[in-house]
Amino acid sequence: MDKFQSGLLAISLATLLVFIIYTLVDEKKSSKWFKWYNQMDYQEQKKYNPIIAVHKLKRVLFLIILVGISGFLISFYISSISIVTFVLILIILLVSITYLGPRGCKVEK
């Protein structure tokens, strides 16, 4: 097992652990973990629903787990796929920064 395969396995297992924690913790409590929500005053907080961000975060974590494990398994047959999977996971993480932000969690009135 090369360093990229072991890195994919470590990323996938760490993401699975975070996914399990977010699944076990109450959504109201876990929605308070978002820094952008805690920095708003009370009037701004009423405009946003951080529970939407929790559901989006669970989707992103599941996608990273799926890509990481499938890339890990395929990399036994095609050695260069682990590098491609690493790049794909980094792209998912970069896109998720804006996907989980307050802009996508605004409550429509």
PDB file of N, CA and C in Angstrom:
ATOM      1  N   MET A   1       0.852  -1.169   0.000  1.00  0.00           N
ATOM      2  CA  MET A   1       0.000   0.000   0.000  1.00  0.00           C
ATOM      3  C   MET A   1       0.905   1.242   0.000  1.00  0.00           C
ATOM      4  N   ASP A   2       0.720   2.102  -0.994  1.00  0.00           N
ATOM      5  CA  ASP A   2       1.559   3.300  -1.072  1.00  0.00           C
ATOM      6  C   ASP A   2       0.992   4.423  -0.208  1.00  0.00           C
ATOM      7  N   LYS A   3       1.682   5.552  -0.209  1.00  0.00           N
ATOM      8  CA  LYS A   3       1.301   6.642   0.692  1.00  0.00           C
ATOM      9  C   LYS A   3      -0.037   7.265   0.313  1.00  0.00           C
ATOM     10  N   PHE A   4      -0.374   7.290  -0.972  1.00  0.00           N
ATOM     11  CA  PHE A   4      -1.658   7.855  -1.363  1.00  0.00           C
ATOM     12  C   PHE A   4      -2.810   6.945  -0.941  1.00  0.00           C
ATOM     13  N   GLN A   5      -2.613   5.647  -1.053  1.00  0.00           N
ATOM     14  CA  GLN A   5      -3.655   4.715  -0.611  1.00  0.00           C
ATOM     15  C   GLN A   5      -3.865   4.797   0.895  1.00  0.00           C
ATOM     16  N   SER A   6      -2.784   4.863   1.651  1.00  0.00           N
ATOM     17  CA  SER A   6      -2.938   4.970   3.101  1.00  0.00           C
ATOM     18  C   SER A   6      -3.540   6.325   3.484  1.00  0.00           C
ATOM     19  N   GLY A   7      -3.209   7.376   2.722  1.00  0.00           N
ATOM     20  CA  GLY A   7      -3.822   8.680   2.958  1.00  0.00           C
ATOM     21  C   GLY A   7      -5.308   8.669   2.669  1.00  0.00           C
ATOM     22  N   LEU A   8      -5.710   7.999   1.584  1.00  0.00           N
ATOM     23  CA  LEU A   8      -7.142   7.881   1.264  1.00  0.00           C
ATOM     24  C   LEU A   8      -7.882   7.120   2.347  1.00  0.00           C
ATOM     25  N   LEU A   9      -7.267   6.072   2.849  1.00  0.00           N
ATOM     26  CA  LEU A   9      -7.897   5.302   3.914  1.00  0.00           C
ATOM     27  C   LEU A   9      -8.032   6.145   5.180  1.00  0.00           C
ATOM     28  N   ALA A  10      -7.006   6.900   5.519  1.00  0.00           N
ATOM     29  CA  ALA A  10      -7.060   7.759   6.711  1.00  0.00           C
ATOM     30  C   ALA A  10      -8.114   8.851   6.553  1.00  0.00           C
ATOM     31  N   ILE A  11      -8.174   9.501   5.382  1.00  0.00           N
ATOM     32  CA  ILE A  11      -9.179  10.540   5.142  1.00  0.00           C
ATOM     33  C   ILE A  11     -10.586   9.954   5.210  1.00  0.00           C
ATOM     34  N   SER A  12     -10.779   8.795   4.609  1.00  0.00           N
ATOM     35  CA  SER A  12     -12.105   8.175   4.600  1.00  0.00           C
ATOM     36  C   SER A  12     -12.556   7.782   6.001  1.00  0.00           C
ATOM     37  N   LEU A  13     -11.647   7.223   6.795  1.00  0.00           N
ATOM     38  CA  LEU A  13     -12.010   6.827   8.150  1.00  0.00           C
ATOM     39  C   LEU A  13     -12.254   8.032   9.048  1.00  0.00           C
ATOM     40  N   ALA A  14     -11.454   9.084   8.890  1.00  0.00           N
ATOM     41  CA  ALA A  14     -11.669  10.306   9.683  1.00  0.00           C
ATOM     42  C   ALA A  14     -12.994  10.964   9.302  1.00  0.00           C
ATOM     43  N   THR A  15     -13.302  10.991   8.020  1.00  0.00           N
ATOM     44  CA  THR A  15     -14.571  11.560   7.563  1.00  0.00           C
ATOM     45  C   THR A  15     -15.739  10.723   8.058  1.00  0.00           C
ATOM     46  N   LEU A  16     -15.564   9.406   8.074  1.00  0.00           N
ATOM     47  CA  LEU A  16     -16.616   8.528   8.598  1.00  0.00           C
ATOM     48  C   LEU A  16     -16.849   8.804  10.077  1.00  0.00           C
ATOM     49  N   LEU A  17     -15.796   9.046  10.827  1.00  0.00           N
ATOM     50  CA  LEU A  17     -15.929   9.356  12.246  1.00  0.00           C
ATOM     51  C   LEU A  17     -16.687  10.666  12.451  1.00  0.00           C
ATOM     52  N   VAL A  18     -16.352  11.687  11.671  1.00  0.00           N
ATOM     53  CA  VAL A  18     -17.063  12.964  11.769  1.00  0.00           C
ATOM     54  C   VAL A  18     -18.522  12.798  11.362  1.00  0.00           C
ATOM     55  N   PHE A  19     -18.774  11.997  10.325  1.00  0.00           N
ATOM     56  CA  PHE A  19     -20.147  11.734   9.884  1.00  0.00           C
ATOM     57  C   PHE A  19     -20.951  11.044  10.985  1.00  0.00           C
ATOM     58  N   ILE A  20     -20.341  10.084  11.657  1.00  0.00           N
ATOM     59  CA  ILE A  20     -21.023   9.379  12.750  1.00  0.00           C
ATOM     60  C   ILE A  20     -21.315  10.341  13.900  1.00  0.00           C
ATOM     61  N   ILE A  21     -20.366  11.211  14.221  1.00  0.00           N
ATOM     62  CA  ILE A  21     -20.592  12.190  15.300  1.00  0.00           C
ATOM     63  C   ILE A  21     -21.746  13.108  14.948  1.00  0.00           C
ATOM     64  N   TYR A  22     -21.771  13.625  13.720  1.00  0.00           N
ATOM     65  CA  TYR A  22     -22.860  14.513  13.306  1.00  0.00           C
ATOM     66  C   TYR A  22     -24.193  13.777  13.253  1.00  0.00           C
ATOM     67  N   THR A  23     -24.178  12.479  13.002  1.00  0.00           N
ATOM     68  CA  THR A  23     -25.416  11.709  12.976  1.00  0.00           C
ATOM     69  C   THR A  23     -25.934  11.456  14.389  1.00  0.00           C
ATOM     70  N   LEU A  24     -25.040  11.221  15.333  1.00  0.00           N
ATOM     71  CA  LEU A  24     -25.454  10.910  16.698  1.00  0.00           C
ATOM     72  C   LEU A  24     -25.864  12.134  17.508  1.00  0.00           C
ATOM     73  N   VAL A  25     -25.240  13.287  17.220  1.00  0.00           N
ATOM     74  CA  VAL A  25     -25.525  14.493  17.988  1.00  0.00           C
ATOM     75  C   VAL A  25     -26.828  15.121  17.486  1.00  0.00           C
ATOM     76  N   ASP A  26     -27.568  15.713  18.399  1.00  0.00           N
ATOM     77  CA  ASP A  26     -28.815  16.382  18.058  1.00  0.00           C
ATOM     78  C   ASP A  26     -28.555  17.495  17.047  1.00  0.00           C
ATOM     79  N   GLU A  27     -29.466  17.668  16.088  1.00  0.00           N
ATOM     80  CA  GLU A  27     -29.269  18.663  15.031  1.00  0.00           C
ATOM     81  C   GLU A  27     -29.236  20.082  15.574  1.00  0.00           C
ATOM     82  N   LYS A  28     -30.005  20.359  16.617  1.00  0.00           N
ATOM     83  CA  LYS A  28     -29.986  21.702  17.204  1.00  0.00           C
ATOM     84  C   LYS A  28     -28.616  22.014  17.809  1.00  0.00           C
ATOM     85  N   LYS A  29     -28.031  21.031  18.510  1.00  0.00           N
ATOM     86  CA  LYS A  29     -26.718  21.238  19.114  1.00  0.00           C
ATOM     87  C   LYS A  29     -25.632  21.345  18.044  1.00  0.00           C
ATOM     88  N   SER A  30     -25.678  20.460  17.063  1.00  0.00           N
ATOM     89  CA  SER A  30     -24.620  20.471  16.053  1.00  0.00           C
ATOM     90  C   SER A  30     -24.726  21.675  15.135  1.00  0.00           C
ATOM     91  N   SER A  31     -25.913  22.267  15.032  1.00  0.00           N
ATOM     92  CA  SER A  31     -26.028  23.464  14.195  1.00  0.00           C
ATOM     93  C   SER A  31     -25.368  24.666  14.854  1.00  0.00           C
ATOM     94  N   LYS A  32     -25.164  24.636  16.156  1.00  0.00           N
ATOM     95  CA  LYS A  32     -24.497  25.730  16.867  1.00  0.00           C
ATOM     96  C   LYS A  32     -22.981  25.692  16.675  1.00  0.00           C
ATOM     97  N   TRP A  33     -22.446  24.628  16.068  1.00  0.00           N
ATOM     98  CA  TRP A  33     -21.010  24.505  15.873  1.00  0.00           C
ATOM     99  C   TRP A  33     -20.497  25.351  14.717  1.00  0.00           C
ATOM    100  N   PHE A  34     -21.397  25.876  13.882  1.00  0.00           N
ATOM    101  CA  PHE A  34     -20.956  26.657  12.731  1.00  0.00           C
ATOM    102  C   PHE A  34     -20.519  28.040  13.184  1.00  0.00           C
ATOM    103  N   LYS A  35     -19.296  28.382  12.858  1.00  0.00           N
ATOM    104  CA  LYS A  35     -18.718  29.638  13.331  1.00  0.00           C
ATOM    105  C   LYS A  35     -19.440  30.846  12.750  1.00  0.00           C
ATOM    106  N   TRP A  36     -19.825  30.762  11.481  1.00  0.00           N
ATOM    107  CA  TRP A  36     -20.480  31.913  10.867  1.00  0.00           C
ATOM    108  C   TRP A  36     -21.814  32.207  11.537  1.00  0.00           C
ATOM    109  N   TYR A  37     -22.481  31.186  12.074  1.00  0.00           N
ATOM    110  CA  TYR A  37     -23.765  31.402  12.736  1.00  0.00           C
ATOM    111  C   TYR A  37     -23.566  32.044  14.111  1.00  0.00           C
ATOM    112  N   ASN A  38     -22.524  31.640  14.810  1.00  0.00           N
ATOM    113  CA  ASN A  38     -22.257  32.184  16.141  1.00  0.00           C
ATOM    114  C   ASN A  38     -21.788  33.632  16.101  1.00  0.00           C
ATOM    115  N   GLN A  39     -21.243  34.074  14.975  1.00  0.00           N
ATOM    116  CA  GLN A  39     -20.749  35.439  14.879  1.00  0.00           C
ATOM    117  C   GLN A  39     -21.850  36.451  14.555  1.00  0.00           C
ATOM    118  N   MET A  40     -23.037  35.978  14.243  1.00  0.00           N
ATOM    119  CA  MET A  40     -24.141  36.884  13.903  1.00  0.00           C
ATOM    120  C   MET A  40     -24.865  37.333  15.162  1.00  0.00           C
ATOM    121  N   ASP A  41     -25.492  38.497  15.075  1.00  0.00           N
ATOM    122  CA  ASP A  41     -26.337  38.921  16.193  1.00  0.00           C
ATOM    123  C   ASP A  41     -27.698  38.237  16.072  1.00  0.00           C
ATOM    124  N   TYR A  42     -28.557  38.455  17.056  1.00  0.00           N
ATOM    125  CA  TYR A  42     -29.817  37.719  17.133  1.00  0.00           C
ATOM    126  C   TYR A  42     -30.724  37.995  15.925  1.00  0.00           C
ATOM    127  N   GLN A  43     -30.769  39.229  15.464  1.00  0.00           N
ATOM    128  CA  GLN A  43     -31.628  39.577  14.331  1.00  0.00           C
ATOM    129  C   GLN A  43     -31.163  38.888  13.045  1.00  0.00           C
ATOM    130  N   GLU A  44     -29.843  38.807  12.851  1.00  0.00           N
ATOM    131  CA  GLU A  44     -29.322  38.108  11.673  1.00  0.00           C
ATOM    132  C   GLU A  44     -29.539  36.608  11.768  1.00  0.00           C
ATOM    133  N   GLN A  45     -29.433  36.058  12.981  1.00  0.00           N
ATOM    134  CA  GLN A  45     -29.599  34.618  13.146  1.00  0.00           C
ATOM    135  C   GLN A  45     -31.008  34.161  12.777  1.00  0.00           C
ATOM    136  N   LYS A  46     -31.988  35.043  12.917  1.00  0.00           N
ATOM    137  CA  LYS A  46     -33.353  34.666  12.564  1.00  0.00           C
ATOM    138  C   LYS A  46     -33.530  34.514  11.058  1.00  0.00           C
ATOM    139  N   LYS A  47     -32.626  35.084  10.263  1.00  0.00           N
ATOM    140  CA  LYS A  47     -32.714  34.996   8.806  1.00  0.00           C
ATOM    141  C   LYS A  47     -32.134  33.696   8.255  1.00  0.00           C
ATOM    142  N   TYR A  48     -31.361  32.983   9.073  1.00  0.00           N
ATOM    143  CA  TYR A  48     -30.655  31.795   8.602  1.00  0.00           C
ATOM    144  C   TYR A  48     -31.057  30.572   9.415  1.00  0.00           C
ATOM    145  N   ASN A  49     -31.011  29.433   8.770  1.00  0.00           N
ATOM    146  CA  ASN A  49     -31.302  28.167   9.435  1.00  0.00           C
ATOM    147  C   ASN A  49     -30.066  27.273   9.330  1.00  0.00           C
ATOM    148  N   PRO A  50     -29.289  27.151  10.399  1.00  0.00           N
ATOM    149  CA  PRO A  50     -28.060  26.343  10.308  1.00  0.00           C
ATOM    150  C   PRO A  50     -28.323  24.835  10.220  1.00  0.00           C
ATOM    151  N   ILE A  51     -29.558  24.413  10.476  1.00  0.00           N
ATOM    152  CA  ILE A  51     -29.870  22.984  10.326  1.00  0.00           C
ATOM    153  C   ILE A  51     -29.748  22.571   8.859  1.00  0.00           C
ATOM    154  N   ILE A  52     -30.025  23.515   7.950  1.00  0.00           N
ATOM    155  CA  ILE A  52     -29.815  23.245   6.521  1.00  0.00           C
ATOM    156  C   ILE A  52     -28.337  22.949   6.274  1.00  0.00           C
ATOM    157  N   ALA A  53     -27.458  23.696   6.935  1.00  0.00           N
ATOM    158  CA  ALA A  53     -26.012  23.475   6.782  1.00  0.00           C
ATOM    159  C   ALA A  53     -25.604  22.116   7.340  1.00  0.00           C
ATOM    160  N   VAL A  54     -26.266  21.658   8.404  1.00  0.00           N
ATOM    161  CA  VAL A  54     -25.958  20.330   8.954  1.00  0.00           C
ATOM    162  C   VAL A  54     -26.296  19.252   7.936  1.00  0.00           C
ATOM    163  N   HIS A  55     -27.461  19.365   7.297  1.00  0.00           N
ATOM    164  CA  HIS A  55     -27.845  18.382   6.277  1.00  0.00           C
ATOM    165  C   HIS A  55     -26.903  18.432   5.074  1.00  0.00           C
ATOM    166  N   LYS A  56     -26.504  19.652   4.684  1.00  0.00           N
ATOM    167  CA  LYS A  56     -25.556  19.771   3.577  1.00  0.00           C
ATOM    168  C   LYS A  56     -24.199  19.188   3.958  1.00  0.00           C
ATOM    169  N   LEU A  57     -23.772  19.419   5.204  1.00  0.00           N
ATOM    170  CA  LEU A  57     -22.498  18.878   5.658  1.00  0.00           C
ATOM    171  C   LEU A  57     -22.523  17.353   5.670  1.00  0.00           C
ATOM    172  N   LYS A  58     -23.632  16.772   6.087  1.00  0.00           N
ATOM    173  CA  LYS A  58     -23.739  15.312   6.063  1.00  0.00           C
ATOM    174  C   LYS A  58     -23.629  14.785   4.636  1.00  0.00           C
ATOM    175  N   ARG A  59     -24.241  15.500   3.677  1.00  0.00           N
ATOM    176  CA  ARG A  59     -24.137  15.091   2.274  1.00  0.00           C
ATOM    177  C   ARG A  59     -22.699  15.167   1.777  1.00  0.00           C
ATOM    178  N   VAL A  60     -22.006  16.253   2.125  1.00  0.00           N
ATOM    179  CA  VAL A  60     -20.611  16.409   1.704  1.00  0.00           C
ATOM    180  C   VAL A  60     -19.737  15.325   2.330  1.00  0.00           C
ATOM    181  N   LEU A  61     -19.925  15.060   3.613  1.00  0.00           N
ATOM    182  CA  LEU A  61     -19.138  14.022   4.282  1.00  0.00           C
ATOM    183  C   LEU A  61     -19.396  12.648   3.668  1.00  0.00           C
ATOM    184  N   PHE A  62     -20.665  12.350   3.361  1.00  0.00           N
ATOM    185  CA  PHE A  62     -20.981  11.074   2.734  1.00  0.00           C
ATOM    186  C   PHE A  62     -20.343  10.967   1.355  1.00  0.00           C
ATOM    187  N   LEU A  63     -20.340  12.070   0.613  1.00  0.00           N
ATOM    188  CA  LEU A  63     -19.714  12.074  -0.711  1.00  0.00           C
ATOM    189  C   LEU A  63     -18.209  11.842  -0.608  1.00  0.00           C
ATOM    190  N   ILE A  64     -17.563  12.458   0.383  1.00  0.00           N
ATOM    191  CA  ILE A  64     -16.119  12.254   0.573  1.00  0.00           C
ATOM    192  C   ILE A  64     -15.837  10.801   0.953  1.00  0.00           C
ATOM    193  N   ILE A  65     -16.672  10.226   1.827  1.00  0.00           N
ATOM    194  CA  ILE A  65     -16.497   8.815   2.201  1.00  0.00           C
ATOM    195  C   ILE A  65     -16.644   7.925   0.979  1.00  0.00           C
ATOM    196  N   LEU A  66     -17.669   8.181   0.182  1.00  0.00           N
ATOM    197  CA  LEU A  66     -17.927   7.370  -1.008  1.00  0.00           C
ATOM    198  C   LEU A  66     -16.779   7.471  -2.008  1.00  0.00           C
ATOM    199  N   VAL A  67     -16.318   8.688  -2.274  1.00  0.00           N
ATOM    200  CA  VAL A  67     -15.212   8.880  -3.218  1.00  0.00           C
ATOM    201  C   VAL A  67     -13.921   8.281  -2.666  1.00  0.00           C
ATOM    202  N   GLY A  68     -13.659   8.475  -1.369  1.00  0.00           N
ATOM    203  CA  GLY A  68     -12.423   7.968  -0.775  1.00  0.00           C
ATOM    204  C   GLY A  68     -12.338   6.451  -0.763  1.00  0.00           C
ATOM    205  N   ILE A  69     -13.410   5.802  -0.350  1.00  0.00           N
ATOM    206  CA  ILE A  69     -13.402   4.332  -0.294  1.00  0.00           C
ATOM    207  C   ILE A  69     -13.367   3.730  -1.695  1.00  0.00           C
ATOM    208  N   SER A  70     -14.167   4.282  -2.613  1.00  0.00           N
ATOM    209  CA  SER A  70     -14.146   3.732  -3.974  1.00  0.00           C
ATOM    210  C   SER A  70     -12.796   3.975  -4.640  1.00  0.00           C
ATOM    211  N   GLY A  71     -12.197   5.154  -4.415  1.00  0.00           N
ATOM    212  CA  GLY A  71     -10.862   5.408  -4.958  1.00  0.00           C
ATOM    213  C   GLY A  71      -9.810   4.498  -4.346  1.00  0.00           C
ATOM    214  N   PHE A  72      -9.960   4.223  -3.055  1.00  0.00           N
ATOM    215  CA  PHE A  72      -9.032   3.313  -2.383  1.00  0.00           C
ATOM    216  C   PHE A  72      -9.127   1.906  -2.978  1.00  0.00           C
ATOM    217  N   LEU A  73     -10.341   1.435  -3.187  1.00  0.00           N
ATOM    218  CA  LEU A  73     -10.507   0.079  -3.718  1.00  0.00           C
ATOM    219  C   LEU A  73     -10.073  -0.018  -5.181  1.00  0.00           C
ATOM    220  N   ILE A  74     -10.386   0.996  -5.970  1.00  0.00           N
ATOM    221  CA  ILE A  74      -9.991   0.969  -7.383  1.00  0.00           C
ATOM    222  C   ILE A  74      -8.482   1.126  -7.534  1.00  0.00           C
ATOM    223  N   SER A  75      -7.846   1.793  -6.581  1.00  0.00           N
ATOM    224  CA  SER A  75      -6.401   2.034  -6.695  1.00  0.00           C
ATOM    225  C   SER A  75      -5.573   0.761  -6.568  1.00  0.00           C
ATOM    226  N   PHE A  76      -6.169  -0.333  -6.114  1.00  0.00           N
ATOM    227  CA  PHE A  76      -5.440  -1.600  -6.113  1.00  0.00           C
ATOM    228  C   PHE A  76      -5.242  -2.117  -7.539  1.00  0.00           C
ATOM    229  N   TYR A  77      -6.160  -1.736  -8.451  1.00  0.00           N
ATOM    230  CA  TYR A  77      -6.067  -2.184  -9.841  1.00  0.00           C
ATOM    231  C   TYR A  77      -5.390  -1.140 -10.733  1.00  0.00           C
ATOM    232  N   ILE A  78      -5.689   0.127 -10.502  1.00  0.00           N
ATOM    233  CA  ILE A  78      -5.097   1.210 -11.276  1.00  0.00           C
ATOM    234  C   ILE A  78      -4.370   2.118 -10.286  1.00  0.00           C
ATOM    235  N   SER A  79      -3.057   2.136 -10.339  1.00  0.00           N
ATOM    236  CA  SER A  79      -2.279   2.807  -9.289  1.00  0.00           C
ATOM    237  C   SER A  79      -2.425   4.324  -9.312  1.00  0.00           C
ATOM    238  N   SER A  80      -2.634   4.916 -10.465  1.00  0.00           N
ATOM    239  CA  SER A  80      -2.699   6.380 -10.531  1.00  0.00           C
ATOM    240  C   SER A  80      -4.055   6.935 -10.084  1.00  0.00           C
ATOM    241  N   ILE A  81      -5.035   6.074  -9.868  1.00  0.00           N
ATOM    242  CA  ILE A  81      -6.375   6.552  -9.480  1.00  0.00           C
ATOM    243  C   ILE A  81      -6.370   7.138  -8.069  1.00  0.00           C
ATOM    244  N   SER A  82      -5.431   6.736  -7.224  1.00  0.00           N
ATOM    245  CA  SER A  82      -5.395   7.284  -5.864  1.00  0.00           C
ATOM    246  C   SER A  82      -5.020   8.759  -5.873  1.00  0.00           C
ATOM    247  N   ILE A  83      -4.156   9.162  -6.792  1.00  0.00           N
ATOM    248  CA  ILE A  83      -3.796  10.578  -6.909  1.00  0.00           C
ATOM    249  C   ILE A  83      -4.998  11.378  -7.417  1.00  0.00           C
ATOM    250  N   VAL A  84      -5.698  10.830  -8.391  1.00  0.00           N
ATOM    251  CA  VAL A  84      -6.894  11.491  -8.929  1.00  0.00           C
ATOM    252  C   VAL A  84      -7.965  11.609  -7.849  1.00  0.00           C
ATOM    253  N   THR A  85      -8.117  10.587  -7.038  1.00  0.00           N
ATOM    254  CA  THR A  85      -9.103  10.619  -5.957  1.00  0.00           C
ATOM    255  C   THR A  85      -8.732  11.675  -4.921  1.00  0.00           C
ATOM    256  N   PHE A  86      -7.442  11.797  -4.618  1.00  0.00           N
ATOM    257  CA  PHE A  86      -6.989  12.830  -3.692  1.00  0.00           C
ATOM    258  C   PHE A  86      -7.352  14.224  -4.207  1.00  0.00           C
ATOM    259  N   VAL A  87      -7.091  14.470  -5.469  1.00  0.00           N
ATOM    260  CA  VAL A  87      -7.409  15.768  -6.074  1.00  0.00           C
ATOM    261  C   VAL A  87      -8.922  15.997  -6.052  1.00  0.00           C
ATOM    262  N   LEU A  88      -9.701  14.969  -6.319  1.00  0.00           N
ATOM    263  CA  LEU A  88     -11.160  15.078  -6.310  1.00  0.00           C
ATOM    264  C   LEU A  88     -11.678  15.409  -4.908  1.00  0.00           C
ATOM    265  N   ILE A  89     -11.106  14.804  -3.894  1.00  0.00           N
ATOM    266  CA  ILE A  89     -11.512  15.100  -2.514  1.00  0.00           C
ATOM    267  C   ILE A  89     -11.151  16.539  -2.151  1.00  0.00           C
ATOM    268  N   LEU A  90      -9.997  17.010  -2.578  1.00  0.00           N
ATOM    269  CA  LEU A  90      -9.627  18.405  -2.310  1.00  0.00           C
ATOM    270  C   LEU A  90     -10.570  19.377  -3.015  1.00  0.00           C
ATOM    271  N   ILE A  91     -10.984  19.060  -4.228  1.00  0.00           N
ATOM    272  CA  ILE A  91     -11.944  19.901  -4.940  1.00  0.00           C
ATOM    273  C   ILE A  91     -13.282  19.910  -4.216  1.00  0.00           C
ATOM    274  N   ILE A  92     -13.726  18.744  -3.733  1.00  0.00           N
ATOM    275  CA  ILE A  92     -14.987  18.668  -2.974  1.00  0.00           C
ATOM    276  C   ILE A  92     -14.896  19.530  -1.721  1.00  0.00           C
ATOM    277  N   LEU A  93     -13.764  19.474  -1.025  1.00  0.00           N
ATOM    278  CA  LEU A  93     -13.599  20.285   0.181  1.00  0.00           C
ATOM    279  C   LEU A  93     -13.607  21.781  -0.134  1.00  0.00           C
ATOM    280  N   LEU A  94     -12.969  22.193  -1.215  1.00  0.00           N
ATOM    281  CA  LEU A  94     -12.946  23.602  -1.579  1.00  0.00           C
ATOM    282  C   LEU A  94     -14.334  24.105  -1.979  1.00  0.00           C
ATOM    283  N   VAL A  95     -15.076  23.300  -2.721  1.00  0.00           N
ATOM    284  CA  VAL A  95     -16.420  23.695  -3.135  1.00  0.00           C
ATOM    285  C   VAL A  95     -17.364  23.715  -1.939  1.00  0.00           C
ATOM    286  N   SER A  96     -17.148  22.833  -0.975  1.00  0.00           N
ATOM    287  CA  SER A  96     -18.048  22.756   0.176  1.00  0.00           C
ATOM    288  C   SER A  96     -17.946  23.969   1.090  1.00  0.00           C
ATOM    289  N   ILE A  97     -16.856  24.725   0.995  1.00  0.00           N
ATOM    290  CA  ILE A  97     -16.719  25.931   1.823  1.00  0.00           C
ATOM    291  C   ILE A  97     -17.825  26.922   1.481  1.00  0.00           C
ATOM    292  N   THR A  98     -18.067  27.138   0.206  1.00  0.00           N
ATOM    293  CA  THR A  98     -19.158  28.046  -0.166  1.00  0.00           C
ATOM    294  C   THR A  98     -20.508  27.356  -0.068  1.00  0.00           C
ATOM    295  N   TYR A  99     -20.553  26.055  -0.273  1.00  0.00           N
ATOM    296  CA  TYR A  99     -21.804  25.298  -0.227  1.00  0.00           C
ATOM    297  C   TYR A  99     -22.402  25.282   1.179  1.00  0.00           C
ATOM    298  N   LEU A 100     -21.559  25.276   2.202  1.00  0.00           N
ATOM    299  CA  LEU A 100     -22.024  25.214   3.587  1.00  0.00           C
ATOM    300  C   LEU A 100     -22.133  26.582   4.245  1.00  0.00           C
ATOM    301  N   GLY A 101     -21.796  27.616   3.533  1.00  0.00           N
ATOM    302  CA  GLY A 101     -21.806  28.956   4.107  1.00  0.00           C
ATOM    303  C   GLY A 101     -23.204  29.501   4.308  1.00  0.00           C
ATOM    304  N   PRO A 102     -23.298  30.697   4.853  1.00  0.00           N
ATOM    305  CA  PRO A 102     -24.604  31.261   5.189  1.00  0.00           C
ATOM    306  C   PRO A 102     -25.460  31.582   3.972  1.00  0.00           C
ATOM    307  N   ARG A 103     -24.841  31.792   2.821  1.00  0.00           N
ATOM    308  CA  ARG A 103     -25.621  32.151   1.649  1.00  0.00           C
ATOM    309  C   ARG A 103     -26.631  31.065   1.262  1.00  0.00           C
ATOM    310  N   GLY A 104     -26.233  29.815   1.411  1.00  0.00           N
ATOM    311  CA  GLY A 104     -27.111  28.713   1.047  1.00  0.00           C
ATOM    312  C   GLY A 104     -28.086  28.307   2.142  1.00  0.00           C
ATOM    313  N   CYS A 105     -28.016  28.950   3.304  1.00  0.00           N
ATOM    314  CA  CYS A 105     -28.849  28.568   4.449  1.00  0.00           C
ATOM    315  C   CYS A 105     -29.846  29.662   4.821  1.00  0.00           C
ATOM    316  N   LYS A 106     -30.099  30.566   3.904  1.00  0.00           N
ATOM    317  CA  LYS A 106     -31.011  31.669   4.176  1.00  0.00           C
ATOM    318  C   LYS A 106     -32.442  31.152   4.151  1.00  0.00           C
ATOM    319  N   VAL A 107     -33.238  31.600   5.112  1.00  0.00           N
ATOM    320  CA  VAL A 107     -34.632  31.191   5.214  1.00  0.00           C
ATOM    321  C   VAL A 107     -35.450  32.102   4.306  1.00  0.00           C
ATOM    322  N   GLU A 108     -36.211  31.491   3.407  1.00  0.00           N
ATOM    323  CA  GLU A 108     -37.052  32.269   2.493  1.00  0.00           C
ATOM    324  C   GLU A 108     -38.323  32.694   3.229  1.00  0.00           C
ATOM    325  N   LYS A 109     -38.700  33.963   3.076  1.00  0.00           N
ATOM    326  CA  LYS A 109     -39.934  34.437   3.703  1.00  0.00           C
ATOM    327  C   LYS A 109     -40.858  35.034   2.686  1.00  0.00           C
TER     328      LYS A 109
END
